Amino acid sequence: MSTEVNPTLPLAFDLAWMGAVVLWLGLVAAAWVSILRSNKARRGSAFWWCLLVLLMPITGALIWFVARPRNFDTDQRTSS
């Protein structure tokens, strides 16, 4: 019997990291959709918001959800 130590991480660590990455991607995707559907955000400011969300992974998206314009119509069909 060999007493070698397995250098790989346990499966639980891999699953935890995978879950964190999936949650981060979901948060970024939700923030981008919210930014791009915002009527009040100009296209130039939308670009900078998307860049902020990308460069500051968690805090950028949270800043958008706190600081976004509140009175915008996301459904274009009901606004006509």
PDB file of N, CA and C in Angstrom:
ATOM      1  N   MET A   1       0.822  -1.180   0.000  1.00  0.00           N
ATOM      2  CA  MET A   1       0.000   0.000   0.000  1.00  0.00           C
ATOM      3  C   MET A   1       0.869   1.249   0.000  1.00  0.00           C
ATOM      4  N   SER A   2       0.500   2.166  -0.823  1.00  0.00           N
ATOM      5  CA  SER A   2       1.220   3.414  -0.927  1.00  0.00           C
ATOM      6  C   SER A   2       0.508   4.472  -0.095  1.00  0.00           C
ATOM      7  N   THR A   3       1.282   5.356   0.513  1.00  0.00           N
ATOM      8  CA  THR A   3       0.691   6.424   1.321  1.00  0.00           C
ATOM      9  C   THR A   3       0.726   7.751   0.567  1.00  0.00           C
ATOM     10  N   GLU A   4       0.591   7.679  -0.751  1.00  0.00           N
ATOM     11  CA  GLU A   4       0.588   8.896  -1.567  1.00  0.00           C
ATOM     12  C   GLU A   4      -0.644   9.723  -1.268  1.00  0.00           C
ATOM     13  N   VAL A   5      -0.456  11.035  -1.307  1.00  0.00           N
ATOM     14  CA  VAL A   5      -1.562  11.957  -1.096  1.00  0.00           C
ATOM     15  C   VAL A   5      -2.078  12.395  -2.462  1.00  0.00           C
ATOM     16  N   ASN A   6      -3.374  12.366  -2.611  1.00  0.00           N
ATOM     17  CA  ASN A   6      -3.985  12.788  -3.870  1.00  0.00           C
ATOM     18  C   ASN A   6      -3.914  14.312  -3.954  1.00  0.00           C
ATOM     19  N   PRO A   7      -3.258  14.864  -4.991  1.00  0.00           N
ATOM     20  CA  PRO A   7      -3.073  16.311  -5.074  1.00  0.00           C
ATOM     21  C   PRO A   7      -4.320  17.071  -5.551  1.00  0.00           C
ATOM     22  N   THR A   8      -5.325  16.370  -5.996  1.00  0.00           N
ATOM     23  CA  THR A   8      -6.510  17.064  -6.500  1.00  0.00           C
ATOM     24  C   THR A   8      -7.450  17.449  -5.370  1.00  0.00           C
ATOM     25  N   LEU A   9      -8.267  18.431  -5.648  1.00  0.00           N
ATOM     26  CA  LEU A   9      -9.253  18.873  -4.666  1.00  0.00           C
ATOM     27  C   LEU A   9     -10.427  17.897  -4.634  1.00  0.00           C
ATOM     28  N   PRO A  10     -11.087  17.813  -3.512  1.00  0.00           N
ATOM     29  CA  PRO A  10     -12.276  16.943  -3.446  1.00  0.00           C
ATOM     30  C   PRO A  10     -13.386  17.458  -4.362  1.00  0.00           C
ATOM     31  N   LEU A  11     -14.303  16.589  -4.695  1.00  0.00           N
ATOM     32  CA  LEU A  11     -15.396  16.923  -5.591  1.00  0.00           C
ATOM     33  C   LEU A  11     -16.254  18.058  -5.031  1.00  0.00           C
ATOM     34  N   ALA A  12     -16.412  18.134  -3.725  1.00  0.00           N
ATOM     35  CA  ALA A  12     -17.239  19.183  -3.124  1.00  0.00           C
ATOM     36  C   ALA A  12     -16.687  20.575  -3.430  1.00  0.00           C
ATOM     37  N   PHE A  13     -15.380  20.733  -3.433  1.00  0.00           N
ATOM     38  CA  PHE A  13     -14.782  22.026  -3.772  1.00  0.00           C
ATOM     39  C   PHE A  13     -15.035  22.381  -5.237  1.00  0.00           C
ATOM     40  N   ASP A  14     -14.892  21.404  -6.115  1.00  0.00           N
ATOM     41  CA  ASP A  14     -15.162  21.646  -7.531  1.00  0.00           C
ATOM     42  C   ASP A  14     -16.616  22.047  -7.750  1.00  0.00           C
ATOM     43  N   LEU A  15     -17.533  21.375  -7.085  1.00  0.00           N
ATOM     44  CA  LEU A  15     -18.950  21.708  -7.231  1.00  0.00           C
ATOM     45  C   LEU A  15     -19.263  23.080  -6.648  1.00  0.00           C
ATOM     46  N   ALA A  16     -18.625  23.443  -5.545  1.00  0.00           N
ATOM     47  CA  ALA A  16     -18.854  24.761  -4.946  1.00  0.00           C
ATOM     48  C   ALA A  16     -18.367  25.865  -5.874  1.00  0.00           C
ATOM     49  N   TRP A  17     -17.191  25.699  -6.476  1.00  0.00           N
ATOM     50  CA  TRP A  17     -16.684  26.700  -7.417  1.00  0.00           C
ATOM     51  C   TRP A  17     -17.562  26.779  -8.647  1.00  0.00           C
ATOM     52  N   MET A  18     -18.017  25.638  -9.134  1.00  0.00           N
ATOM     53  CA  MET A  18     -18.894  25.623 -10.306  1.00  0.00           C
ATOM     54  C   MET A  18     -20.199  26.347  -9.992  1.00  0.00           C
ATOM     55  N   GLY A  19     -20.750  26.121  -8.819  1.00  0.00           N
ATOM     56  CA  GLY A  19     -21.968  26.808  -8.407  1.00  0.00           C
ATOM     57  C   GLY A  19     -21.762  28.308  -8.296  1.00  0.00           C
ATOM     58  N   ALA A  20     -20.629  28.737  -7.751  1.00  0.00           N
ATOM     59  CA  ALA A  20     -20.331  30.162  -7.629  1.00  0.00           C
ATOM     60  C   ALA A  20     -20.195  30.808  -9.005  1.00  0.00           C
ATOM     61  N   VAL A  21     -19.570  30.139  -9.931  1.00  0.00           N
ATOM     62  CA  VAL A  21     -19.409  30.681 -11.290  1.00  0.00           C
ATOM     63  C   VAL A  21     -20.768  30.786 -11.976  1.00  0.00           C
ATOM     64  N   VAL A  22     -21.611  29.779 -11.821  1.00  0.00           N
ATOM     65  CA  VAL A  22     -22.938  29.814 -12.437  1.00  0.00           C
ATOM     66  C   VAL A  22     -23.772  30.949 -11.840  1.00  0.00           C
ATOM     67  N   LEU A  23     -23.718  31.135 -10.524  1.00  0.00           N
ATOM     68  CA  LEU A  23     -24.444  32.236  -9.889  1.00  0.00           C
ATOM     69  C   LEU A  23     -23.924  33.588 -10.364  1.00  0.00           C
ATOM     70  N   TRP A  24     -22.605  33.737 -10.480  1.00  0.00           N
ATOM     71  CA  TRP A  24     -22.019  34.984 -10.965  1.00  0.00           C
ATOM     72  C   TRP A  24     -22.468  35.272 -12.392  1.00  0.00           C
ATOM     73  N   LEU A  25     -22.428  34.264 -13.265  1.00  0.00           N
ATOM     74  CA  LEU A  25     -22.856  34.467 -14.645  1.00  0.00           C
ATOM     75  C   LEU A  25     -24.334  34.834 -14.727  1.00  0.00           C
ATOM     76  N   GLY A  26     -25.141  34.231 -13.877  1.00  0.00           N
ATOM     77  CA  GLY A  26     -26.565  34.574 -13.835  1.00  0.00           C
ATOM     78  C   GLY A  26     -26.786  36.003 -13.380  1.00  0.00           C
ATOM     79  N   LEU A  27     -26.033  36.439 -12.379  1.00  0.00           N
ATOM     80  CA  LEU A  27     -26.150  37.810 -11.886  1.00  0.00           C
ATOM     81  C   LEU A  27     -25.708  38.809 -12.945  1.00  0.00           C
ATOM     82  N   VAL A  28     -24.612  38.530 -13.628  1.00  0.00           N
ATOM     83  CA  VAL A  28     -24.130  39.411 -14.690  1.00  0.00           C
ATOM     84  C   VAL A  28     -25.131  39.445 -15.842  1.00  0.00           C
ATOM     85  N   ALA A  29     -25.666  38.304 -16.230  1.00  0.00           N
ATOM     86  CA  ALA A  29     -26.643  38.262 -17.326  1.00  0.00           C
ATOM     87  C   ALA A  29     -27.904  39.041 -16.958  1.00  0.00           C
ATOM     88  N   ALA A  30     -28.379  38.880 -15.736  1.00  0.00           N
ATOM     89  CA  ALA A  30     -29.573  39.613 -15.311  1.00  0.00           C
ATOM     90  C   ALA A  30     -29.306  41.114 -15.283  1.00  0.00           C
ATOM     91  N   ALA A  31     -28.135  41.526 -14.842  1.00  0.00           N
ATOM     92  CA  ALA A  31     -27.798  42.950 -14.819  1.00  0.00           C
ATOM     93  C   ALA A  31     -27.703  43.498 -16.235  1.00  0.00           C
ATOM     94  N   TRP A  32     -27.073  42.765 -17.162  1.00  0.00           N
ATOM     95  CA  TRP A  32     -26.955  43.230 -18.542  1.00  0.00           C
ATOM     96  C   TRP A  32     -28.325  43.357 -19.204  1.00  0.00           C
ATOM     97  N   VAL A  33     -29.184  42.384 -18.991  1.00  0.00           N
ATOM     98  CA  VAL A  33     -30.524  42.460 -19.568  1.00  0.00           C
ATOM     99  C   VAL A  33     -31.263  43.662 -19.004  1.00  0.00           C
ATOM    100  N   SER A  34     -31.146  43.884 -17.720  1.00  0.00           N
ATOM    101  CA  SER A  34     -31.793  45.031 -17.091  1.00  0.00           C
ATOM    102  C   SER A  34     -31.239  46.348 -17.628  1.00  0.00           C
ATOM    103  N   ILE A  35     -29.937  46.429 -17.807  1.00  0.00           N
ATOM    104  CA  ILE A  35     -29.309  47.649 -18.332  1.00  0.00           C
ATOM    105  C   ILE A  35     -29.761  47.902 -19.761  1.00  0.00           C
ATOM    106  N   LEU A  36     -29.727  46.892 -20.601  1.00  0.00           N
ATOM    107  CA  LEU A  36     -30.043  47.078 -22.014  1.00  0.00           C
ATOM    108  C   LEU A  36     -31.535  47.296 -22.256  1.00  0.00           C
ATOM    109  N   ARG A  37     -32.392  46.850 -21.354  1.00  0.00           N
ATOM    110  CA  ARG A  37     -33.831  47.079 -21.505  1.00  0.00           C
ATOM    111  C   ARG A  37     -34.277  48.396 -20.886  1.00  0.00           C
ATOM    112  N   SER A  38     -33.393  49.064 -20.204  1.00  0.00           N
ATOM    113  CA  SER A  38     -33.732  50.318 -19.560  1.00  0.00           C
ATOM    114  C   SER A  38     -33.938  51.410 -20.608  1.00  0.00           C
ATOM    115  N   ASN A  39     -35.099  52.046 -20.591  1.00  0.00           N
ATOM    116  CA  ASN A  39     -35.387  53.128 -21.532  1.00  0.00           C
ATOM    117  C   ASN A  39     -34.664  54.405 -21.148  1.00  0.00           C
ATOM    118  N   LYS A  40     -34.456  54.628 -19.871  1.00  0.00           N
ATOM    119  CA  LYS A  40     -33.866  55.875 -19.393  1.00  0.00           C
ATOM    120  C   LYS A  40     -32.363  55.927 -19.630  1.00  0.00           C
ATOM    121  N   ALA A  41     -31.722  54.772 -19.712  1.00  0.00           N
ATOM    122  CA  ALA A  41     -30.274  54.749 -19.906  1.00  0.00           C
ATOM    123  C   ALA A  41     -29.950  55.020 -21.373  1.00  0.00           C
ATOM    124  N   ARG A  42     -29.123  56.008 -21.610  1.00  0.00           N
ATOM    125  CA  ARG A  42     -28.665  56.268 -22.973  1.00  0.00           C
ATOM    126  C   ARG A  42     -27.722  55.152 -23.381  1.00  0.00           C
ATOM    127  N   ARG A  43     -27.524  55.001 -24.660  1.00  0.00           N
ATOM    128  CA  ARG A  43     -26.664  53.911 -25.147  1.00  0.00           C
ATOM    129  C   ARG A  43     -25.233  54.054 -24.637  1.00  0.00           C
ATOM    130  N   GLY A  44     -24.727  55.269 -24.549  1.00  0.00           N
ATOM    131  CA  GLY A  44     -23.367  55.460 -24.039  1.00  0.00           C
ATOM    132  C   GLY A  44     -23.254  55.072 -22.581  1.00  0.00           C
ATOM    133  N   SER A  45     -24.244  55.464 -21.795  1.00  0.00           N
ATOM    134  CA  SER A  45     -24.195  55.098 -20.374  1.00  0.00           C
ATOM    135  C   SER A  45     -24.442  53.603 -20.190  1.00  0.00           C
ATOM    136  N   ALA A  46     -25.238  52.998 -21.068  1.00  0.00           N
ATOM    137  CA  ALA A  46     -25.462  51.552 -20.988  1.00  0.00           C
ATOM    138  C   ALA A  46     -24.145  50.804 -21.205  1.00  0.00           C
ATOM    139  N   PHE A  47     -23.327  51.298 -22.147  1.00  0.00           N
ATOM    140  CA  PHE A  47     -22.025  50.681 -22.379  1.00  0.00           C
ATOM    141  C   PHE A  47     -21.172  50.722 -21.122  1.00  0.00           C
ATOM    142  N   TRP A  48     -21.125  51.884 -20.458  1.00  0.00           N
ATOM    143  CA  TRP A  48     -20.298  52.015 -19.254  1.00  0.00           C
ATOM    144  C   TRP A  48     -20.850  51.176 -18.109  1.00  0.00           C
ATOM    145  N   TRP A  49     -22.166  51.086 -17.988  1.00  0.00           N
ATOM    146  CA  TRP A  49     -22.741  50.228 -16.952  1.00  0.00           C
ATOM    147  C   TRP A  49     -22.388  48.763 -17.215  1.00  0.00           C
ATOM    148  N   CYS A  50     -22.496  48.328 -18.470  1.00  0.00           N
ATOM    149  CA  CYS A  50     -22.146  46.934 -18.800  1.00  0.00           C
ATOM    150  C   CYS A  50     -20.679  46.654 -18.518  1.00  0.00           C
ATOM    151  N   LEU A  51     -19.828  47.624 -18.828  1.00  0.00           N
ATOM    152  CA  LEU A  51     -18.401  47.469 -18.549  1.00  0.00           C
ATOM    153  C   LEU A  51     -18.144  47.395 -17.048  1.00  0.00           C
ATOM    154  N   LEU A  52     -18.827  48.237 -16.275  1.00  0.00           N
ATOM    155  CA  LEU A  52     -18.675  48.204 -14.816  1.00  0.00           C
ATOM    156  C   LEU A  52     -19.102  46.852 -14.250  1.00  0.00           C
ATOM    157  N   VAL A  53     -20.218  46.333 -14.755  1.00  0.00           N
ATOM    158  CA  VAL A  53     -20.703  45.034 -14.284  1.00  0.00           C
ATOM    159  C   VAL A  53     -19.716  43.933 -14.627  1.00  0.00           C
ATOM    160  N   LEU A  54     -19.073  44.044 -15.786  1.00  0.00           N
ATOM    161  CA  LEU A  54     -18.098  43.026 -16.189  1.00  0.00           C
ATOM    162  C   LEU A  54     -16.815  43.110 -15.373  1.00  0.00           C
ATOM    163  N   LEU A  55     -16.323  44.333 -15.118  1.00  0.00           N
ATOM    164  CA  LEU A  55     -15.037  44.497 -14.443  1.00  0.00           C
ATOM    165  C   LEU A  55     -15.122  44.319 -12.928  1.00  0.00           C
ATOM    166  N   MET A  56     -16.274  44.628 -12.355  1.00  0.00           N
ATOM    167  CA  MET A  56     -16.473  44.447 -10.913  1.00  0.00           C
ATOM    168  C   MET A  56     -17.534  43.363 -10.740  1.00  0.00           C
ATOM    169  N   PRO A  57     -17.119  42.114 -10.692  1.00  0.00           N
ATOM    170  CA  PRO A  57     -18.032  40.989 -10.849  1.00  0.00           C
ATOM    171  C   PRO A  57     -19.288  41.029  -9.969  1.00  0.00           C
ATOM    172  N   ILE A  58     -19.172  41.131  -8.701  1.00  0.00           N
ATOM    173  CA  ILE A  58     -20.359  41.090  -7.846  1.00  0.00           C
ATOM    174  C   ILE A  58     -20.833  42.501  -7.538  1.00  0.00           C
ATOM    175  N   THR A  59     -19.919  43.363  -7.152  1.00  0.00           N
ATOM    176  CA  THR A  59     -20.309  44.698  -6.703  1.00  0.00           C
ATOM    177  C   THR A  59     -20.852  45.548  -7.846  1.00  0.00           C
ATOM    178  N   GLY A  60     -20.365  45.373  -9.068  1.00  0.00           N
ATOM    179  CA  GLY A  60     -20.876  46.143 -10.197  1.00  0.00           C
ATOM    180  C   GLY A  60     -22.346  45.856 -10.453  1.00  0.00           C
ATOM    181  N   ALA A  61     -22.713  44.577 -10.433  1.00  0.00           N
ATOM    182  CA  ALA A  61     -24.116  44.213 -10.641  1.00  0.00           C
ATOM    183  C   ALA A  61     -24.980  44.697  -9.478  1.00  0.00           C
ATOM    184  N   LEU A  62     -24.480  44.579  -8.273  1.00  0.00           N
ATOM    185  CA  LEU A  62     -25.251  45.047  -7.122  1.00  0.00           C
ATOM    186  C   LEU A  62     -25.427  46.558  -7.147  1.00  0.00           C
ATOM    187  N   ILE A  63     -24.394  47.285  -7.579  1.00  0.00           N
ATOM    188  CA  ILE A  63     -24.504  48.744  -7.693  1.00  0.00           C
ATOM    189  C   ILE A  63     -25.577  49.087  -8.725  1.00  0.00           C
ATOM    190  N   TRP A  64     -25.616  48.372  -9.849  1.00  0.00           N
ATOM    191  CA  TRP A  64     -26.641  48.653 -10.854  1.00  0.00           C
ATOM    192  C   TRP A  64     -28.042  48.427 -10.278  1.00  0.00           C
ATOM    193  N   PHE A  65     -28.248  47.305  -9.582  1.00  0.00           N
ATOM    194  CA  PHE A  65     -29.578  47.006  -9.075  1.00  0.00           C
ATOM    195  C   PHE A  65     -30.019  47.991  -7.994  1.00  0.00           C
ATOM    196  N   VAL A  66     -29.078  48.627  -7.317  1.00  0.00           N
ATOM    197  CA  VAL A  66     -29.424  49.632  -6.314  1.00  0.00           C
ATOM    198  C   VAL A  66     -29.597  50.999  -6.966  1.00  0.00           C
ATOM    199  N   ALA A  67     -28.747  51.371  -7.932  1.00  0.00           N
ATOM    200  CA  ALA A  67     -28.718  52.726  -8.475  1.00  0.00           C
ATOM    201  C   ALA A  67     -29.489  52.892  -9.785  1.00  0.00           C
ATOM    202  N   ARG A  68     -30.072  51.849 -10.324  1.00  0.00           N
ATOM    203  CA  ARG A  68     -30.759  51.965 -11.615  1.00  0.00           C
ATOM    204  C   ARG A  68     -31.966  52.891 -11.535  1.00  0.00           C
ATOM    205  N   PRO A  69     -32.343  53.446 -12.675  1.00  0.00           N
ATOM    206  CA  PRO A  69     -33.550  54.281 -12.699  1.00  0.00           C
ATOM    207  C   PRO A  69     -34.773  53.428 -12.384  1.00  0.00           C
ATOM    208  N   ARG A  70     -35.631  53.919 -11.519  1.00  0.00           N
ATOM    209  CA  ARG A  70     -36.767  53.122 -11.052  1.00  0.00           C
ATOM    210  C   ARG A  70     -37.977  53.154 -11.975  1.00  0.00           C
ATOM    211  N   ASN A  71     -38.247  54.258 -12.637  1.00  0.00           N
ATOM    212  CA  ASN A  71     -39.470  54.390 -13.421  1.00  0.00           C
ATOM    213  C   ASN A  71     -39.204  54.189 -14.899  1.00  0.00           C
ATOM    214  N   PHE A  72     -38.855  52.985 -15.273  1.00  0.00           N
ATOM    215  CA  PHE A  72     -38.715  52.723 -16.695  1.00  0.00           C
ATOM    216  C   PHE A  72     -39.615  51.561 -17.081  1.00  0.00           C
ATOM    217  N   ASP A  73     -40.145  51.641 -18.291  1.00  0.00           N
ATOM    218  CA  ASP A  73     -41.071  50.641 -18.796  1.00  0.00           C
ATOM    219  C   ASP A  73     -40.280  49.564 -19.520  1.00  0.00           C
ATOM    220  N   THR A  74     -40.315  48.337 -19.024  1.00  0.00           N
ATOM    221  CA  THR A  74     -39.547  47.272 -19.653  1.00  0.00           C
ATOM    222  C   THR A  74     -40.345  46.547 -20.717  1.00  0.00           C
ATOM    223  N   ASP A  75     -41.671  46.710 -20.731  1.00  0.00           N
ATOM    224  CA  ASP A  75     -42.492  46.037 -21.727  1.00  0.00           C
ATOM    225  C   ASP A  75     -42.904  47.058 -22.780  1.00  0.00           C
ATOM    226  N   GLN A  76     -42.349  46.961 -23.972  1.00  0.00           N
ATOM    227  CA  GLN A  76     -42.588  47.931 -25.025  1.00  0.00           C
ATOM    228  C   GLN A  76     -43.998  47.841 -25.585  1.00  0.00           C
ATOM    229  N   ARG A  77     -44.649  46.691 -25.464  1.00  0.00           N
ATOM    230  CA  ARG A  77     -45.976  46.509 -26.050  1.00  0.00           C
ATOM    231  C   ARG A  77     -47.036  47.319 -25.319  1.00  0.00           C
ATOM    232  N   THR A  78     -46.894  47.510 -24.013  1.00  0.00           N
ATOM    233  CA  THR A  78     -47.916  48.218 -23.257  1.00  0.00           C
ATOM    234  C   THR A  78     -47.707  49.726 -23.251  1.00  0.00           C
ATOM    235  N   SER A  79     -46.599  50.223 -23.784  1.00  0.00           N
ATOM    236  CA  SER A  79     -46.319  51.646 -23.737  1.00  0.00           C
ATOM    237  C   SER A  79     -46.901  52.420 -24.921  1.00  0.00           C
ATOM    238  N   SER A  80     -47.448  51.721 -25.916  1.00  0.00           N
ATOM    239  CA  SER A  80     -47.961  52.435 -27.088  1.00  0.00           C
ATOM    240  C   SER A  80     -49.428  52.770 -26.984  1.00  0.00           C
TER     241      SER A  80
END
